[in-house]
Each structure stands twice: as structure tokens, then as C-alpha cells.
Amino acid sequence: MRELHIRQLCLNICVGESGDRLTRAAKVLEQVTGQTPVFSKARYTVRSFGIRRNEKIAVHCTVRVAKAERILEKGLKVREYELRKNNFSDTGNFGFVIQEHIDLGIKYDPSIGIYSLDFYVVLGRPGFSIADKNRRTGCIGAKTESAKRKPCAGSKQSWPGAVAHACNPSILGGRGRRITRSGDRDHPG
């Protein structure tokens, strides 16, 4: 009942301009997820970057359930199951960046180019959806809420690697920055 699961995986490609590069980034995201991506607009005009308000500058896609686990496993394999402590938020969610999308197993196409992908993972437990409902909303209990701030408390069974070792101070060592996966790197986790 208290074990963590992936509520959603958000994938983002920020190009910084509209046009042909943005549509090619949308094709890349569609190849990775198999879903139609959504275009994001700029909130403000930034003249030094040449961005106007409401101009489409990024593409994102939200993936859930088993497909999210498969894509996350590929992304963590590219990062060699290494995450830094500052990749984790206060609420237990985490994110990381992959510099080249072709590392996920997609064939390189010279007409598309290479794009970097932002991964952001939202973790949850059964019952977290009561706070999101429109009708008869409820509060998440104090025990569940406090455990929500410690992602490794219930995730050792689910992810023996990067997520499970995020809060363990003995693994961080002297510099306290790099977190590595212990054991077999081919473990599906």
C-alpha cells in the first residue's frame, strides 16, 4: 500500500524558437513516446533571445504507466544509472537531462538532427489522487506526506538503483555529489 510508483513521466524538448526546428523536435518526441506531443508557448517577450510572448518555443509530452517505466529505464541506462543529489526535489520527484536523443536507441536522421531531452518523473503512492479530484477532495495524511519527502523510504523494492540511493548519506562519500547505482547494471530495476 505504501510502495512508490511512477504517476507520470514528462519529456520536454525546448528549442527556443518556432518554425522548422520545433516541428523536427516534435517528430523526435513522437518517435520516443509514440504519442502526439503538445507545443508550449513563451510566457514573456525576451528581446535579447528573440522570443515573443505566446510564440511556440518548446514541445512536451506526458507518459504514464508501463510506457513511462520503459522510457525511464532507457533514460537511466543512458545516464549509467547515475543521478546527482540536486536532481531530486523536496517532494521526492526527480529530473535529469539526456544530451542526445539518439542514445535512446533511435536511428540518427540527418534531416532531423540531434536534440536533448529533459526527463521529469513524478512519484506517488496509492491514494495521492484524492488531492487532485474536483469533487469531494481530501487531504493526504501526515504519514504519507512526510514519506513523500523521502523518495528512498519506500522505493528500495521498486528501484534498487538511482532513486533508492538518493537519500543515503553513506553512498554520497566525501564530495557528496555523485550517486551511482550499485550492483548489476543490466538489472531492469
N, C-alpha and C. Protein backbone atom coordinates (compact mmCIF):
# COMPACT_ATOMS: atom_id res chain seq x y z
N MET A 1 0.82 -1.20 0.00
CA MET A 1 0.00 0.00 0.00
C MET A 1 0.86 1.26 0.00
N ARG A 2 2.07 1.15 0.59
CA ARG A 2 2.89 2.35 0.70
C ARG A 2 4.01 2.40 -0.33
N GLU A 3 4.04 1.46 -1.27
CA GLU A 3 5.15 1.47 -2.21
C GLU A 3 4.95 2.54 -3.28
N LEU A 4 6.05 3.13 -3.71
CA LEU A 4 6.03 4.21 -4.69
C LEU A 4 5.82 3.66 -6.10
N HIS A 5 5.18 4.46 -6.92
CA HIS A 5 5.06 4.15 -8.33
C HIS A 5 5.20 5.44 -9.13
N ILE A 6 5.38 5.32 -10.42
CA ILE A 6 5.51 6.49 -11.28
C ILE A 6 4.11 6.99 -11.63
N ARG A 7 3.78 8.20 -11.20
CA ARG A 7 2.50 8.79 -11.58
C ARG A 7 2.55 9.27 -13.03
N GLN A 8 3.63 9.98 -13.36
CA GLN A 8 3.79 10.43 -14.74
C GLN A 8 5.25 10.72 -15.04
N LEU A 9 5.58 10.64 -16.31
CA LEU A 9 6.90 10.98 -16.81
C LEU A 9 6.71 12.07 -17.85
N CYS A 10 7.30 13.23 -17.61
CA CYS A 10 7.17 14.35 -18.54
C CYS A 10 8.47 14.47 -19.33
N LEU A 11 8.36 14.46 -20.65
CA LEU A 11 9.50 14.63 -21.54
C LEU A 11 9.38 15.98 -22.23
N ASN A 12 10.47 16.74 -22.28
CA ASN A 12 10.42 18.09 -22.80
C ASN A 12 11.63 18.33 -23.71
N ILE A 13 11.38 19.01 -24.83
CA ILE A 13 12.45 19.50 -25.70
C ILE A 13 12.20 20.98 -25.89
N CYS A 14 13.11 21.81 -25.39
CA CYS A 14 12.98 23.26 -25.54
C CYS A 14 13.93 23.72 -26.64
N VAL A 15 13.36 24.26 -27.70
CA VAL A 15 14.16 24.68 -28.85
C VAL A 15 14.50 26.17 -28.74
N GLY A 16 13.57 26.98 -28.22
CA GLY A 16 13.81 28.41 -28.07
C GLY A 16 13.36 29.23 -29.25
N GLU A 17 12.77 28.60 -30.25
CA GLU A 17 12.25 29.33 -31.41
C GLU A 17 11.18 28.49 -32.08
N SER A 18 10.30 29.14 -32.79
CA SER A 18 9.28 28.40 -33.53
C SER A 18 9.80 28.14 -34.94
N GLY A 19 9.09 27.30 -35.67
CA GLY A 19 9.48 27.04 -37.04
C GLY A 19 9.87 25.60 -37.28
N ASP A 20 10.81 25.41 -38.20
CA ASP A 20 11.19 24.08 -38.66
C ASP A 20 11.87 23.26 -37.58
N ARG A 21 12.74 23.89 -36.78
CA ARG A 21 13.43 23.15 -35.71
C ARG A 21 12.43 22.61 -34.69
N LEU A 22 11.38 23.37 -34.42
CA LEU A 22 10.38 22.93 -33.44
C LEU A 22 9.57 21.76 -33.97
N THR A 23 9.22 21.77 -35.24
CA THR A 23 8.47 20.64 -35.80
C THR A 23 9.33 19.38 -35.87
N ARG A 24 10.64 19.55 -36.11
CA ARG A 24 11.54 18.39 -36.09
C ARG A 24 11.68 17.83 -34.67
N ALA A 25 11.69 18.72 -33.68
CA ALA A 25 11.73 18.27 -32.28
C ALA A 25 10.46 17.52 -31.92
N ALA A 26 9.33 17.95 -32.47
CA ALA A 26 8.07 17.24 -32.24
C ALA A 26 8.12 15.83 -32.83
N LYS A 27 8.76 15.69 -33.99
CA LYS A 27 8.91 14.36 -34.60
C LYS A 27 9.76 13.45 -33.72
N VAL A 28 10.82 14.01 -33.15
CA VAL A 28 11.69 13.22 -32.27
C VAL A 28 10.91 12.74 -31.05
N LEU A 29 10.15 13.64 -30.44
CA LEU A 29 9.38 13.28 -29.25
C LEU A 29 8.30 12.26 -29.58
N GLU A 30 7.75 12.34 -30.77
CA GLU A 30 6.75 11.35 -31.18
C GLU A 30 7.40 9.98 -31.41
N GLN A 31 8.64 9.96 -31.91
CA GLN A 31 9.35 8.69 -32.08
C GLN A 31 9.67 8.05 -30.73
N VAL A 32 10.02 8.88 -29.75
CA VAL A 32 10.40 8.36 -28.43
C VAL A 32 9.19 7.81 -27.69
N THR A 33 8.08 8.55 -27.70
CA THR A 33 6.92 8.19 -26.88
C THR A 33 5.83 7.44 -27.62
N GLY A 34 5.71 7.66 -28.92
CA GLY A 34 4.60 7.06 -29.65
C GLY A 34 3.30 7.83 -29.46
N GLN A 35 3.38 9.04 -28.91
CA GLN A 35 2.21 9.88 -28.68
C GLN A 35 2.40 11.21 -29.40
N THR A 36 1.28 11.91 -29.62
CA THR A 36 1.35 13.23 -30.23
C THR A 36 1.78 14.25 -29.18
N PRO A 37 2.87 14.99 -29.39
CA PRO A 37 3.32 15.96 -28.39
C PRO A 37 2.50 17.25 -28.43
N VAL A 38 2.68 18.06 -27.38
CA VAL A 38 1.97 19.33 -27.23
C VAL A 38 3.00 20.45 -27.31
N PHE A 39 2.65 21.55 -27.98
CA PHE A 39 3.55 22.69 -28.10
C PHE A 39 3.35 23.63 -26.92
N SER A 40 4.46 24.17 -26.39
CA SER A 40 4.43 25.11 -25.28
C SER A 40 4.76 26.50 -25.79
N LYS A 41 4.10 27.51 -25.20
CA LYS A 41 4.30 28.89 -25.62
C LYS A 41 5.14 29.66 -24.59
N ALA A 42 5.80 30.70 -25.07
CA ALA A 42 6.58 31.57 -24.18
C ALA A 42 5.64 32.46 -23.38
N ARG A 43 5.95 32.65 -22.10
CA ARG A 43 5.11 33.50 -21.25
C ARG A 43 5.43 34.97 -21.42
N TYR A 44 6.69 35.28 -21.68
CA TYR A 44 7.12 36.68 -21.75
C TYR A 44 7.93 36.92 -23.02
N THR A 45 8.01 38.18 -23.41
CA THR A 45 8.88 38.58 -24.51
C THR A 45 10.28 38.83 -23.96
N VAL A 46 11.26 38.19 -24.57
CA VAL A 46 12.66 38.39 -24.19
C VAL A 46 13.38 38.83 -25.46
N ARG A 47 13.64 40.13 -25.55
CA ARG A 47 14.19 40.68 -26.79
C ARG A 47 15.62 40.19 -27.04
N SER A 48 16.39 40.01 -25.98
CA SER A 48 17.78 39.59 -26.17
C SER A 48 17.87 38.17 -26.75
N PHE A 49 16.87 37.33 -26.48
CA PHE A 49 16.84 35.98 -27.05
C PHE A 49 16.02 35.91 -28.32
N GLY A 50 15.32 36.97 -28.67
CA GLY A 50 14.48 36.97 -29.86
C GLY A 50 13.20 36.17 -29.70
N ILE A 51 12.67 36.12 -28.47
CA ILE A 51 11.45 35.36 -28.18
C ILE A 51 10.32 36.34 -27.92
N ARG A 52 9.18 36.10 -28.57
CA ARG A 52 7.99 36.92 -28.35
C ARG A 52 7.00 36.18 -27.48
N ARG A 53 6.14 36.93 -26.79
CA ARG A 53 5.12 36.34 -25.93
C ARG A 53 4.16 35.52 -26.80
N ASN A 54 3.75 34.36 -26.29
CA ASN A 54 2.83 33.42 -26.95
C ASN A 54 3.41 32.76 -28.20
N GLU A 55 4.71 32.87 -28.41
CA GLU A 55 5.35 32.17 -29.51
C GLU A 55 5.66 30.74 -29.06
N LYS A 56 5.41 29.77 -29.92
CA LYS A 56 5.70 28.37 -29.58
C LYS A 56 7.21 28.16 -29.59
N ILE A 57 7.73 27.70 -28.42
CA ILE A 57 9.19 27.55 -28.31
C ILE A 57 9.61 26.17 -27.83
N ALA A 58 8.67 25.34 -27.38
CA ALA A 58 9.04 24.03 -26.83
C ALA A 58 7.97 23.00 -27.13
N VAL A 59 8.33 21.74 -26.93
CA VAL A 59 7.43 20.62 -27.14
C VAL A 59 7.53 19.70 -25.93
N HIS A 60 6.39 19.23 -25.42
CA HIS A 60 6.43 18.31 -24.29
C HIS A 60 5.38 17.22 -24.45
N CYS A 61 5.57 16.15 -23.70
CA CYS A 61 4.67 15.01 -23.76
C CYS A 61 4.65 14.35 -22.38
N THR A 62 3.48 13.92 -21.93
CA THR A 62 3.33 13.25 -20.65
C THR A 62 2.99 11.79 -20.89
N VAL A 63 3.76 10.91 -20.26
CA VAL A 63 3.60 9.47 -20.44
C VAL A 63 3.31 8.86 -19.08
N ARG A 64 2.45 7.84 -19.04
CA ARG A 64 2.08 7.22 -17.78
C ARG A 64 2.22 5.70 -17.86
N VAL A 65 2.13 5.05 -16.73
CA VAL A 65 2.06 3.61 -16.50
C VAL A 65 3.27 2.87 -17.10
N ALA A 66 3.04 1.78 -17.81
CA ALA A 66 4.12 0.89 -18.26
C ALA A 66 5.03 1.56 -19.29
N LYS A 67 4.45 2.36 -20.16
CA LYS A 67 5.26 3.05 -21.16
C LYS A 67 6.24 4.01 -20.49
N ALA A 68 5.80 4.65 -19.41
CA ALA A 68 6.69 5.56 -18.67
C ALA A 68 7.85 4.80 -18.06
N GLU A 69 7.59 3.62 -17.53
CA GLU A 69 8.66 2.82 -16.94
C GLU A 69 9.68 2.38 -17.98
N ARG A 70 9.21 2.01 -19.17
CA ARG A 70 10.13 1.60 -20.24
C ARG A 70 11.03 2.76 -20.68
N ILE A 71 10.42 3.93 -20.88
CA ILE A 71 11.20 5.09 -21.34
C ILE A 71 12.16 5.55 -20.25
N LEU A 72 11.71 5.52 -18.99
CA LEU A 72 12.58 5.91 -17.88
C LEU A 72 13.76 4.96 -17.75
N GLU A 73 13.53 3.68 -17.95
CA GLU A 73 14.62 2.70 -17.88
C GLU A 73 15.66 2.98 -18.96
N LYS A 74 15.21 3.33 -20.18
CA LYS A 74 16.16 3.68 -21.25
C LYS A 74 16.95 4.93 -20.89
N GLY A 75 16.25 5.92 -20.33
CA GLY A 75 16.93 7.16 -19.96
C GLY A 75 17.95 6.97 -18.86
N LEU A 76 17.61 6.17 -17.86
CA LEU A 76 18.56 5.91 -16.78
C LEU A 76 19.74 5.08 -17.26
N LYS A 77 19.50 4.21 -18.24
CA LYS A 77 20.59 3.41 -18.80
C LYS A 77 21.58 4.31 -19.54
N VAL A 78 21.07 5.34 -20.24
CA VAL A 78 21.94 6.29 -20.92
C VAL A 78 22.79 7.06 -19.90
N ARG A 79 22.18 7.42 -18.77
CA ARG A 79 22.90 8.13 -17.71
C ARG A 79 23.73 7.18 -16.84
N GLU A 80 23.78 5.91 -17.21
CA GLU A 80 24.51 4.87 -16.48
C GLU A 80 24.03 4.79 -15.04
N TYR A 81 22.75 4.99 -14.84
CA TYR A 81 22.10 4.90 -13.52
C TYR A 81 22.74 5.83 -12.50
N GLU A 82 23.24 6.97 -12.95
CA GLU A 82 23.85 7.94 -12.05
C GLU A 82 23.00 9.20 -12.02
N LEU A 83 22.64 9.62 -10.82
CA LEU A 83 21.93 10.88 -10.62
C LEU A 83 22.62 11.64 -9.51
N ARG A 84 22.51 12.95 -9.56
CA ARG A 84 23.08 13.77 -8.50
C ARG A 84 22.00 14.07 -7.46
N LYS A 85 22.45 14.46 -6.29
CA LYS A 85 21.50 14.73 -5.21
C LYS A 85 20.60 15.91 -5.56
N ASN A 86 21.13 16.88 -6.30
CA ASN A 86 20.30 18.04 -6.64
C ASN A 86 19.35 17.77 -7.79
N ASN A 87 19.31 16.55 -8.32
CA ASN A 87 18.29 16.17 -9.32
C ASN A 87 16.95 15.92 -8.66
N PHE A 88 16.92 15.78 -7.33
CA PHE A 88 15.70 15.44 -6.61
C PHE A 88 15.09 16.69 -5.99
N SER A 89 13.75 16.78 -6.04
CA SER A 89 13.05 17.92 -5.44
C SER A 89 12.72 17.61 -3.99
N ASP A 90 12.15 18.60 -3.30
CA ASP A 90 11.77 18.43 -1.89
C ASP A 90 10.62 17.44 -1.74
N THR A 91 9.82 17.30 -2.77
CA THR A 91 8.66 16.41 -2.69
C THR A 91 8.96 14.99 -3.15
N GLY A 92 10.21 14.69 -3.48
CA GLY A 92 10.57 13.34 -3.85
C GLY A 92 10.58 13.07 -5.34
N ASN A 93 10.21 14.03 -6.16
CA ASN A 93 10.26 13.85 -7.61
C ASN A 93 11.68 14.13 -8.09
N PHE A 94 12.01 13.67 -9.29
CA PHE A 94 13.36 13.90 -9.79
C PHE A 94 13.34 14.11 -11.29
N GLY A 95 14.40 14.73 -11.79
CA GLY A 95 14.53 15.01 -13.21
C GLY A 95 15.98 14.96 -13.63
N PHE A 96 16.20 14.75 -14.93
CA PHE A 96 17.55 14.72 -15.48
C PHE A 96 17.47 15.00 -16.97
N VAL A 97 18.64 15.23 -17.58
CA VAL A 97 18.72 15.60 -18.99
C VAL A 97 19.58 14.58 -19.73
N ILE A 98 19.16 14.26 -20.95
CA ILE A 98 19.96 13.44 -21.87
C ILE A 98 20.38 14.36 -23.02
N GLN A 99 21.67 14.42 -23.30
CA GLN A 99 22.19 15.37 -24.27
C GLN A 99 21.84 15.01 -25.72
N GLU A 100 21.75 13.73 -26.04
CA GLU A 100 21.46 13.31 -27.42
C GLU A 100 20.34 12.28 -27.41
N HIS A 101 19.30 12.54 -28.18
CA HIS A 101 18.16 11.62 -28.20
C HIS A 101 18.49 10.30 -28.87
N ILE A 102 19.54 10.25 -29.68
CA ILE A 102 19.88 9.01 -30.37
C ILE A 102 20.43 7.96 -29.41
N ASP A 103 20.81 8.38 -28.19
CA ASP A 103 21.28 7.43 -27.19
C ASP A 103 20.17 6.51 -26.70
N LEU A 104 18.91 6.89 -26.94
CA LEU A 104 17.77 6.08 -26.52
C LEU A 104 17.49 4.93 -27.48
N GLY A 105 18.26 4.81 -28.54
CA GLY A 105 18.07 3.72 -29.49
C GLY A 105 17.36 4.15 -30.76
N ILE A 106 17.18 5.44 -30.96
CA ILE A 106 16.55 5.95 -32.17
C ILE A 106 17.63 6.15 -33.23
N LYS A 107 17.33 5.75 -34.45
CA LYS A 107 18.29 5.87 -35.54
C LYS A 107 18.48 7.34 -35.90
N TYR A 108 19.73 7.73 -36.15
CA TYR A 108 20.05 9.12 -36.50
C TYR A 108 19.54 9.44 -37.90
N ASP A 109 18.87 10.58 -38.02
CA ASP A 109 18.37 11.06 -39.30
C ASP A 109 19.00 12.44 -39.54
N PRO A 110 19.82 12.62 -40.57
CA PRO A 110 20.48 13.91 -40.80
C PRO A 110 19.50 15.06 -41.04
N SER A 111 18.32 14.77 -41.56
CA SER A 111 17.35 15.84 -41.80
C SER A 111 16.72 16.34 -40.50
N ILE A 112 16.74 15.53 -39.45
CA ILE A 112 16.16 15.94 -38.17
C ILE A 112 17.23 16.56 -37.27
N GLY A 113 18.39 15.93 -37.15
CA GLY A 113 19.44 16.44 -36.28
C GLY A 113 19.41 15.75 -34.93
N ILE A 114 20.06 16.38 -33.94
CA ILE A 114 20.15 15.82 -32.60
C ILE A 114 19.57 16.82 -31.61
N TYR A 115 18.74 16.34 -30.70
CA TYR A 115 18.10 17.17 -29.69
C TYR A 115 18.36 16.58 -28.31
N SER A 116 18.37 17.45 -27.30
CA SER A 116 18.48 16.97 -25.92
C SER A 116 17.08 16.84 -25.33
N LEU A 117 16.93 15.89 -24.43
CA LEU A 117 15.62 15.60 -23.82
C LEU A 117 15.68 15.85 -22.32
N ASP A 118 14.66 16.52 -21.79
CA ASP A 118 14.52 16.69 -20.35
C ASP A 118 13.52 15.66 -19.84
N PHE A 119 13.92 14.89 -18.84
CA PHE A 119 13.05 13.92 -18.19
C PHE A 119 12.65 14.48 -16.83
N TYR A 120 11.36 14.40 -16.48
CA TYR A 120 10.94 14.75 -15.12
C TYR A 120 9.94 13.69 -14.67
N VAL A 121 10.23 13.05 -13.53
CA VAL A 121 9.44 11.93 -13.03
C VAL A 121 8.69 12.37 -11.78
N VAL A 122 7.37 12.17 -11.78
CA VAL A 122 6.53 12.46 -10.62
C VAL A 122 6.17 11.13 -9.98
N LEU A 123 6.57 10.96 -8.72
CA LEU A 123 6.31 9.72 -7.99
C LEU A 123 5.06 9.87 -7.14
N GLY A 124 4.42 8.74 -6.83
CA GLY A 124 3.23 8.78 -6.00
C GLY A 124 2.97 7.45 -5.33
N ARG A 125 1.96 7.45 -4.48
CA ARG A 125 1.50 6.25 -3.79
C ARG A 125 0.01 6.11 -4.05
N PRO A 126 -0.54 4.94 -3.79
CA PRO A 126 -1.99 4.81 -3.90
C PRO A 126 -2.68 5.78 -2.96
N GLY A 127 -3.66 6.51 -3.47
CA GLY A 127 -4.40 7.47 -2.66
C GLY A 127 -3.98 8.91 -2.88
N PHE A 128 -2.91 9.16 -3.63
CA PHE A 128 -2.49 10.54 -3.86
C PHE A 128 -3.48 11.31 -4.73
N SER A 129 -4.31 10.59 -5.49
CA SER A 129 -5.23 11.27 -6.40
C SER A 129 -6.38 11.96 -5.68
N ILE A 130 -6.57 11.72 -4.38
CA ILE A 130 -7.68 12.37 -3.69
C ILE A 130 -7.46 13.87 -3.55
N ALA A 131 -6.22 14.32 -3.61
CA ALA A 131 -5.94 15.74 -3.54
C ALA A 131 -6.19 16.44 -4.87
N ASP A 132 -6.26 15.68 -5.97
CA ASP A 132 -6.43 16.25 -7.30
C ASP A 132 -7.87 16.26 -7.79
N LYS A 133 -8.77 15.60 -7.06
CA LYS A 133 -10.15 15.49 -7.52
C LYS A 133 -10.85 16.84 -7.46
N ASN A 134 -11.89 17.03 -8.30
CA ASN A 134 -12.70 18.24 -8.25
C ASN A 134 -13.79 18.13 -7.19
N ARG A 135 -14.37 16.97 -7.07
CA ARG A 135 -15.49 16.77 -6.16
C ARG A 135 -15.03 15.90 -4.99
N ARG A 136 -15.39 16.29 -3.78
CA ARG A 136 -15.05 15.57 -2.56
C ARG A 136 -13.54 15.35 -2.44
N THR A 137 -12.79 16.45 -2.51
CA THR A 137 -11.34 16.35 -2.39
C THR A 137 -10.96 16.00 -0.95
N GLY A 138 -9.84 15.38 -0.80
CA GLY A 138 -9.35 15.01 0.52
C GLY A 138 -7.92 15.46 0.69
N CYS A 139 -7.41 15.25 1.87
CA CYS A 139 -6.03 15.62 2.17
C CYS A 139 -5.19 14.35 2.28
N ILE A 140 -3.95 14.48 1.88
CA ILE A 140 -3.02 13.37 2.03
C ILE A 140 -2.59 13.34 3.49
N GLY A 141 -2.61 12.16 4.09
CA GLY A 141 -2.30 12.02 5.51
C GLY A 141 -0.88 12.43 5.86
N ALA A 142 -0.67 12.71 7.14
CA ALA A 142 0.63 13.20 7.60
C ALA A 142 1.73 12.16 7.39
N LYS A 143 1.43 10.89 7.63
CA LYS A 143 2.45 9.86 7.45
C LYS A 143 2.84 9.72 5.98
N THR A 144 1.86 9.76 5.11
CA THR A 144 2.15 9.64 3.69
C THR A 144 2.85 10.89 3.19
N GLU A 145 2.44 12.04 3.68
CA GLU A 145 3.05 13.31 3.26
C GLU A 145 4.50 13.37 3.69
N SER A 146 4.80 12.96 4.92
CA SER A 146 6.19 13.01 5.38
C SER A 146 7.05 12.02 4.61
N ALA A 147 6.49 10.87 4.27
CA ALA A 147 7.24 9.89 3.49
C ALA A 147 7.41 10.36 2.05
N LYS A 148 6.51 11.24 1.59
CA LYS A 148 6.61 11.77 0.24
C LYS A 148 7.89 12.59 0.09
N ARG A 149 8.37 13.15 1.17
CA ARG A 149 9.59 13.95 1.12
C ARG A 149 10.85 13.10 1.15
N LYS A 150 10.71 11.80 1.34
CA LYS A 150 11.86 10.89 1.35
C LYS A 150 11.65 9.84 0.26
N PRO A 151 12.12 10.07 -0.95
CA PRO A 151 11.82 9.14 -2.04
C PRO A 151 12.41 7.76 -1.84
N CYS A 152 13.49 7.64 -1.09
CA CYS A 152 14.11 6.33 -0.97
C CYS A 152 13.47 5.50 0.13
N ALA A 153 12.58 6.08 0.92
CA ALA A 153 11.99 5.33 2.03
C ALA A 153 11.21 4.12 1.54
N GLY A 154 10.42 4.26 0.49
CA GLY A 154 9.63 3.14 0.02
C GLY A 154 10.02 2.64 -1.34
N SER A 155 11.11 3.14 -1.89
CA SER A 155 11.43 2.80 -3.27
C SER A 155 12.52 1.75 -3.41
N LYS A 156 13.03 1.22 -2.32
CA LYS A 156 14.12 0.25 -2.44
C LYS A 156 13.67 -1.02 -3.14
N GLN A 157 12.38 -1.36 -3.01
CA GLN A 157 11.88 -2.54 -3.70
C GLN A 157 11.71 -2.24 -5.19
N SER A 158 11.23 -1.03 -5.52
CA SER A 158 10.94 -0.69 -6.90
C SER A 158 12.20 -0.39 -7.70
N TRP A 159 13.04 0.49 -7.15
CA TRP A 159 14.24 0.90 -7.85
C TRP A 159 15.44 0.65 -6.95
N PRO A 160 16.16 -0.44 -7.13
CA PRO A 160 17.33 -0.67 -6.30
C PRO A 160 18.48 0.26 -6.65
N GLY A 161 18.33 1.06 -7.67
CA GLY A 161 19.44 1.88 -8.15
C GLY A 161 19.38 3.32 -7.72
N ALA A 162 19.27 4.19 -8.71
CA ALA A 162 19.47 5.62 -8.50
C ALA A 162 18.50 6.22 -7.51
N VAL A 163 17.22 5.89 -7.59
CA VAL A 163 16.24 6.51 -6.71
C VAL A 163 16.41 6.01 -5.29
N ALA A 164 16.67 4.75 -5.13
CA ALA A 164 16.77 4.17 -3.79
C ALA A 164 17.95 4.73 -3.02
N HIS A 165 19.03 5.09 -3.70
CA HIS A 165 20.22 5.56 -3.01
C HIS A 165 20.30 7.07 -2.91
N ALA A 166 19.26 7.78 -3.29
CA ALA A 166 19.32 9.24 -3.33
C ALA A 166 19.51 9.87 -1.96
N CYS A 167 18.89 9.31 -0.94
CA CYS A 167 18.95 9.91 0.39
C CYS A 167 19.94 9.24 1.31
N ASN A 168 20.65 8.25 0.84
CA ASN A 168 21.56 7.51 1.70
C ASN A 168 22.89 8.26 1.80
N PRO A 169 23.20 8.86 2.97
CA PRO A 169 24.41 9.67 3.07
C PRO A 169 25.70 8.86 2.98
N SER A 170 25.66 7.56 3.28
CA SER A 170 26.88 6.77 3.23
C SER A 170 27.35 6.55 1.80
N ILE A 171 26.44 6.59 0.83
CA ILE A 171 26.81 6.38 -0.57
C ILE A 171 27.42 7.65 -1.16
N LEU A 172 27.03 8.81 -0.62
CA LEU A 172 27.49 10.06 -1.20
C LEU A 172 28.99 10.27 -1.04
N GLY A 173 29.58 9.74 0.01
CA GLY A 173 31.02 9.84 0.19
C GLY A 173 31.45 11.23 0.59
N GLY A 174 32.74 11.54 0.39
CA GLY A 174 33.30 12.80 0.85
C GLY A 174 32.79 14.01 0.10
N ARG A 175 32.74 13.94 -1.24
CA ARG A 175 32.31 15.10 -2.01
C ARG A 175 30.81 15.28 -1.94
N GLY A 176 30.06 14.20 -1.78
CA GLY A 176 28.62 14.29 -1.61
C GLY A 176 27.86 14.74 -2.83
N ARG A 177 28.33 14.46 -4.01
CA ARG A 177 27.64 14.92 -5.20
C ARG A 177 27.13 13.78 -6.08
N ARG A 178 27.94 12.80 -6.38
CA ARG A 178 27.57 11.79 -7.36
C ARG A 178 26.94 10.58 -6.70
N ILE A 179 25.84 10.13 -7.28
CA ILE A 179 25.14 8.96 -6.77
C ILE A 179 25.17 7.91 -7.86
N THR A 180 25.66 6.72 -7.55
CA THR A 180 25.76 5.68 -8.57
C THR A 180 24.93 4.48 -8.18
N ARG A 181 24.55 3.71 -9.16
CA ARG A 181 23.78 2.50 -8.92
C ARG A 181 24.73 1.40 -8.50
N SER A 182 24.34 0.67 -7.48
CA SER A 182 25.19 -0.43 -7.03
C SER A 182 24.73 -1.73 -7.67
N GLY A 183 25.64 -2.66 -7.82
CA GLY A 183 25.27 -3.98 -8.32
C GLY A 183 25.25 -4.05 -9.83
N ASP A 184 24.38 -4.92 -10.32
CA ASP A 184 24.31 -5.25 -11.74
C ASP A 184 23.70 -4.10 -12.52
N ARG A 185 24.36 -3.63 -13.58
CA ARG A 185 23.85 -2.52 -14.37
C ARG A 185 22.75 -2.96 -15.34
N ASP A 186 22.62 -4.22 -15.61
CA ASP A 186 21.59 -4.68 -16.54
C ASP A 186 20.30 -5.05 -15.84
N HIS A 187 20.23 -4.83 -14.55
CA HIS A 187 19.02 -5.15 -13.79
C HIS A 187 17.88 -4.24 -14.25
N PRO A 188 16.69 -4.78 -14.58
CA PRO A 188 15.62 -3.94 -15.11
C PRO A 188 15.07 -2.94 -14.11
N GLY A 189 15.36 -3.08 -12.85
CA GLY A 189 15.04 -2.12 -11.82
C GLY A 189 13.65 -1.84 -11.63
